């Protein structure tokens, strides 16, 4: 698998590359934001290790632009920051980062977290331990999620969603067929891999209350390293993409003191 290291401190970049290369990863590196964007298009990496403070374009802007690109791959992004304040972490995740590490960090922990993210990539095709079964479609009043094709659509307001598969399929139930939604009735959502898995998890159990630990176990399995509050940041980002008013969510609702619940219909 290809990993792009975007870090302007040569010693840190070389240390990261040394440890990841020993683990069998194909590593590429660059030192500024503009070069990073060009390298992403050229290499199509599976994962990007991205420093927050970069010359020309900072890591937040680079992360945002990568998520806006329509490349063949949607890479995982791990943000590195020397700033320990929570606001930097949340801002980083809100722009599309999947994980973060605060400098100074343990190279062994970085390798473990890289492996955790990439194992999620291998599991996304389905099968045992994937978190989501393959060849499966979920539909609710406003959303259609196709697990096999890894696409998610949201119905336009005031219109009825196109019926999926067998006649009479019930909302929220699994359907093994994978028809494409009518483009006149819905639009495809542009979600990161983690956002897609979050939405699919919520839709597979409508009305269920999930706490952070349960969502982490569902999405990361035993591979999670870090702060559980990373879940809150991913949910906040997903809300921005699907909620009419993210500050007063209609679909992903907070259950105070417990966790989150998906409601639709």
Protein backbone atom coordinates (compact mmCIF):
# COMPACT_ATOMS: atom_id res chain seq x y z
CA UNK A 1 0.00 0.00 0.00
CA UNK A 2 1.16 3.55 -0.78
CA UNK A 3 1.57 6.15 1.96
CA UNK A 4 2.29 9.83 1.31
CA UNK A 5 4.14 11.65 4.11
CA UNK A 6 3.65 15.43 4.01
CA UNK A 7 6.02 16.89 6.59
CA UNK A 8 8.38 19.87 6.31
CA UNK A 9 10.64 18.76 9.18
CA UNK A 10 13.11 16.45 7.44
CA UNK A 11 14.08 14.50 10.56
CA UNK A 12 10.47 13.68 11.40
CA UNK A 13 9.64 12.73 7.80
CA UNK A 14 12.65 10.43 7.59
CA UNK A 15 11.81 8.80 10.93
CA UNK A 16 8.23 8.11 9.83
CA UNK A 17 9.40 6.74 6.49
CA UNK A 18 11.97 4.51 8.20
CA UNK A 19 9.42 2.86 10.47
CA UNK A 20 6.71 2.49 7.82
CA UNK A 21 9.12 1.13 5.20
CA UNK A 22 10.23 -1.55 7.66
CA UNK A 23 6.58 -2.61 7.85
CA UNK A 24 6.43 -3.09 4.08
CA UNK A 25 4.65 0.12 3.06
CA UNK A 26 5.63 2.03 -0.08
CA UNK A 27 6.40 5.52 1.22
CA UNK A 28 6.55 8.81 -0.66
CA UNK A 29 7.27 12.20 0.89
CA UNK A 30 7.04 15.92 0.21
CA UNK A 31 7.49 19.07 2.27
CA UNK A 32 4.79 21.56 1.25
CA UNK A 33 1.07 21.71 0.57
CA UNK A 34 1.12 22.43 -3.16
CA UNK A 35 3.47 19.56 -3.87
CA UNK A 36 1.30 17.33 -1.70
CA UNK A 37 -1.77 18.01 -3.84
CA UNK A 38 0.16 17.18 -7.01
CA UNK A 39 1.53 13.99 -5.45
CA UNK A 40 -1.94 12.87 -4.37
CA UNK A 41 -3.14 13.01 -7.98
CA UNK A 42 -0.03 11.24 -9.25
CA UNK A 43 0.37 8.51 -6.62
CA UNK A 44 -3.24 7.97 -5.52
CA UNK A 45 -2.07 6.96 -2.01
CA UNK A 46 -4.04 4.73 0.32
CA UNK A 47 -3.16 6.90 3.32
CA UNK A 48 -1.69 10.37 3.85
CA UNK A 49 0.23 11.48 6.93
CA UNK A 50 -0.28 15.24 6.87
CA UNK A 51 1.40 17.83 9.08
CA UNK A 52 -0.79 20.72 10.21
CA UNK A 53 1.85 23.45 9.80
CA UNK A 54 3.18 23.47 6.23
CA UNK A 55 4.65 26.14 3.95
CA UNK A 56 2.46 27.55 1.14
CA UNK A 57 -0.73 25.71 2.10
CA UNK A 58 -1.31 24.52 5.65
CA UNK A 59 -2.48 21.00 6.45
CA UNK A 60 -6.10 22.00 7.01
CA UNK A 61 -6.37 23.53 3.53
CA UNK A 62 -4.58 20.58 1.94
CA UNK A 63 -6.93 18.16 3.71
CA UNK A 64 -9.99 20.09 2.54
CA UNK A 65 -8.80 20.14 -1.08
CA UNK A 66 -7.96 16.45 -1.07
CA UNK A 67 -11.50 15.65 0.07
CA UNK A 68 -12.84 17.82 -2.76
CA UNK A 69 -10.81 16.00 -5.41
CA UNK A 70 -12.45 13.24 -7.44
CA UNK A 71 -9.59 10.78 -7.51
CA UNK A 72 -9.75 7.03 -8.00
CA UNK A 73 -9.11 6.60 -4.27
CA UNK A 74 -10.44 8.38 -1.22
CA UNK A 75 -7.39 8.12 1.03
CA UNK A 76 -7.35 8.00 4.79
CA UNK A 77 -5.75 11.10 6.29
CA UNK A 78 -3.86 11.20 9.57
CA UNK A 79 -3.11 14.72 10.78
CA UNK A 80 0.06 15.56 12.73
CA UNK A 81 0.04 18.64 14.93
CA UNK A 82 2.37 20.24 17.45
CA UNK A 83 -0.60 22.03 18.96
CA UNK A 84 -2.29 20.08 21.71
CA UNK A 85 -5.39 22.22 22.06
CA UNK A 86 -8.65 20.36 21.41
CA UNK A 87 -9.80 23.01 18.93
CA UNK A 88 -6.96 22.12 16.56
CA UNK A 89 -7.91 18.45 16.69
CA UNK A 90 -11.60 19.09 16.07
CA UNK A 91 -10.93 21.54 13.24
CA UNK A 92 -8.63 18.99 11.63
CA UNK A 93 -11.25 16.28 11.74
CA UNK A 94 -13.97 18.65 10.53
CA UNK A 95 -12.01 19.25 7.33
CA UNK A 96 -11.83 15.55 6.56
CA UNK A 97 -9.01 13.98 8.59
CA UNK A 98 -9.67 10.46 9.86
CA UNK A 99 -7.27 10.53 12.80
CA UNK A 100 -4.66 12.74 14.44
CA UNK A 101 -1.50 12.54 16.49
CA UNK A 102 0.08 15.25 18.61
CA UNK A 103 3.85 15.76 18.45
CA UNK A 104 6.03 14.41 19.94
CA UNK A 105 4.67 10.92 19.28
CA UNK A 106 5.87 7.34 19.44
CA UNK A 107 6.79 6.00 15.97
CA UNK A 108 5.51 2.59 17.06
CA UNK A 109 2.13 4.06 17.97
CA UNK A 110 1.99 5.86 14.64
CA UNK A 111 2.64 2.58 12.81
CA UNK A 112 -0.08 0.87 14.85
CA UNK A 113 -2.60 3.58 14.03
CA UNK A 114 -1.68 3.53 10.35
CA UNK A 115 -2.25 -0.22 10.32
CA UNK A 116 -5.58 0.25 12.09
CA UNK A 117 -6.83 2.65 9.42
CA UNK A 118 -5.61 0.50 6.55
CA UNK A 119 -7.18 -2.63 8.04
CA UNK A 120 -10.48 -0.79 7.88
CA UNK A 121 -9.84 -0.29 4.16
CA UNK A 122 -9.32 -4.03 3.66
CA UNK A 123 -12.50 -4.83 5.58
CA UNK A 124 -14.74 -2.50 3.59
CA UNK A 125 -15.34 -5.10 0.91
CA UNK A 126 -17.34 -7.17 3.38
CA UNK A 127 -16.81 -10.53 4.99
CA UNK A 128 -15.98 -11.52 8.50
CA UNK A 129 -15.05 -8.64 10.75
CA UNK A 130 -15.92 -6.04 8.13
CA UNK A 131 -18.44 -4.25 10.32
CA UNK A 132 -20.87 -4.20 7.37
CA UNK A 133 -22.18 -7.19 5.36
CA UNK A 134 -21.57 -7.16 1.62
CA UNK A 135 -24.29 -6.95 -1.09
CA UNK A 136 -26.70 -5.10 1.12
CA UNK A 137 -28.91 -2.05 0.70
CA UNK A 138 -30.61 0.00 3.41
CA UNK A 139 -33.38 2.48 2.73
CA UNK A 140 -35.15 4.92 5.02
CA UNK A 141 -37.44 7.85 4.24
CA UNK A 142 -34.63 10.15 3.12
CA UNK A 143 -31.61 7.91 2.54
CA UNK A 144 -30.42 4.94 0.48
CA UNK A 145 -27.14 3.21 1.36
CA UNK A 146 -25.68 0.51 -0.89
CA UNK A 147 -23.06 -1.43 1.06
CA UNK A 148 -21.75 -3.37 -1.95
CA UNK A 149 -21.29 -0.30 -4.16
CA UNK A 150 -20.41 1.92 -1.17
CA UNK A 151 -22.73 4.69 -2.27
CA UNK A 152 -25.12 6.79 -0.21
CA UNK A 153 -27.95 8.92 -1.59
CA UNK A 154 -30.26 11.45 0.02
CA UNK A 155 -33.77 12.05 -1.23
CA UNK A 156 -34.73 15.52 -2.36
CA UNK A 157 -37.19 17.14 0.02
CA UNK A 158 -40.84 16.74 -0.88
CA UNK A 159 -40.29 13.69 -3.14
CA UNK A 160 -40.71 10.00 -2.50
CA UNK A 161 -37.65 7.75 -2.82
CA UNK A 162 -37.56 5.20 -5.59
CA UNK A 163 -38.58 1.72 -4.40
CA UNK A 164 -35.61 -0.62 -4.10
CA UNK A 165 -35.53 -4.25 -5.16
CA UNK A 166 -38.52 -6.46 -4.41
CA UNK A 167 -41.88 -4.78 -4.39
CA UNK A 168 -43.00 -3.75 -0.95
CA UNK A 169 -39.59 -3.60 0.72
CA UNK A 170 -39.89 -2.01 4.15
CA UNK A 171 -38.02 1.06 5.29
CA UNK A 172 -34.83 0.27 7.15
CA UNK A 173 -34.80 -3.37 5.98
CA UNK A 174 -32.01 -5.07 4.14
CA UNK A 175 -32.37 -5.60 0.39
CA UNK A 176 -29.80 -7.76 -1.40
CA UNK A 177 -30.36 -6.09 -4.78
CA UNK A 178 -28.35 -2.99 -5.63
CA UNK A 179 -30.35 -0.74 -7.99
CA UNK A 180 -29.22 2.84 -8.55
CA UNK A 181 -31.47 5.56 -7.12
CA UNK A 182 -33.33 7.74 -9.62
CA UNK A 183 -31.10 10.83 -10.03
CA UNK A 184 -34.23 12.96 -10.31
CA UNK A 185 -35.34 11.90 -6.85
CA UNK A 186 -32.07 11.83 -4.92
CA UNK A 187 -28.45 12.95 -4.99
CA UNK A 188 -25.28 11.08 -4.14
CA UNK A 189 -23.61 12.11 -0.91
CA UNK A 190 -19.87 12.77 -0.97
CA UNK A 191 -18.73 10.93 2.16
CA UNK A 192 -15.34 9.84 3.41
CA UNK A 193 -14.97 6.10 4.14
CA UNK A 194 -15.55 6.66 7.86
CA UNK A 195 -18.58 8.88 7.25
CA UNK A 196 -20.08 6.24 4.97
CA UNK A 197 -19.57 3.50 7.55
CA UNK A 198 -21.08 5.69 10.26
CA UNK A 199 -24.21 6.37 8.21
CA UNK A 200 -24.51 2.70 7.22
CA UNK A 201 -24.19 1.64 10.85
CA UNK A 202 -26.90 4.05 11.97
CA UNK A 203 -29.23 3.01 9.13
CA UNK A 204 -28.77 -0.70 9.81
CA UNK A 205 -30.30 -0.19 13.28
CA UNK A 206 -32.75 2.75 13.07
CA UNK A 207 -33.76 4.04 16.48
CA UNK A 208 -30.96 2.30 18.35
CA UNK A 209 -28.91 4.39 20.76
CA UNK A 210 -25.16 4.04 20.26
CA UNK A 211 -22.52 5.23 22.70
CA UNK A 212 -18.99 6.12 21.63
CA UNK A 213 -17.51 2.80 22.69
CA UNK A 214 -20.07 0.82 20.68
CA UNK A 215 -19.48 2.91 17.56
CA UNK A 216 -15.73 2.52 17.90
CA UNK A 217 -16.06 -1.26 18.25
CA UNK A 218 -18.37 -1.36 15.21
CA UNK A 219 -16.16 0.77 12.97
CA UNK A 220 -12.62 0.07 14.21
CA UNK A 221 -12.98 -3.24 16.02
CA UNK A 222 -10.02 -3.74 18.34
CA UNK A 223 -7.79 -1.54 16.20
CA UNK A 224 -8.68 1.83 17.74
CA UNK A 225 -5.95 3.95 19.33
CA UNK A 226 -6.73 7.42 20.64
CA UNK A 227 -9.42 9.63 22.12
CA UNK A 228 -13.01 8.35 21.97
CA UNK A 229 -14.16 11.91 21.31
CA UNK A 230 -12.91 11.49 17.75
CA UNK A 231 -16.35 9.90 17.18
CA UNK A 232 -18.04 13.21 18.00
CA UNK A 233 -15.98 15.01 15.37
CA UNK A 234 -16.84 12.47 12.66
CA UNK A 235 -20.53 12.71 13.53
CA UNK A 236 -20.37 16.51 13.43
CA UNK A 237 -18.85 16.31 9.95
CA UNK A 238 -21.47 13.81 8.77
CA UNK A 239 -24.25 16.05 10.11
CA UNK A 240 -22.91 18.95 8.04
CA UNK A 241 -23.40 16.85 4.92
CA UNK A 242 -26.85 15.38 5.56
CA UNK A 243 -28.71 17.61 8.01
CA UNK A 244 -30.85 20.58 6.86
CA UNK A 245 -29.73 22.30 10.08
CA UNK A 246 -26.67 20.62 11.64
CA UNK A 247 -27.06 22.61 14.86
CA UNK A 248 -30.56 21.14 15.30
CA UNK A 249 -30.20 17.70 13.70
CA UNK A 250 -33.25 15.88 12.37
CA UNK A 251 -31.62 12.52 11.63
CA UNK A 252 -28.61 11.88 13.89
CA UNK A 253 -29.81 12.97 17.30
CA UNK A 254 -27.83 13.28 20.50
CA UNK A 255 -29.12 11.32 23.48
CA UNK A 256 -27.75 13.40 26.33
CA UNK A 257 -25.39 11.49 28.57
CA UNK A 258 -25.64 8.34 26.44
CA UNK A 259 -24.73 8.72 22.77
CA UNK A 260 -26.45 9.03 19.39
CA UNK A 261 -29.59 7.74 17.68
CA UNK A 262 -30.59 7.75 14.00
CA UNK A 263 -34.20 8.65 13.20
CA UNK A 264 -35.76 8.98 9.77
CA UNK A 265 -39.44 8.37 9.11
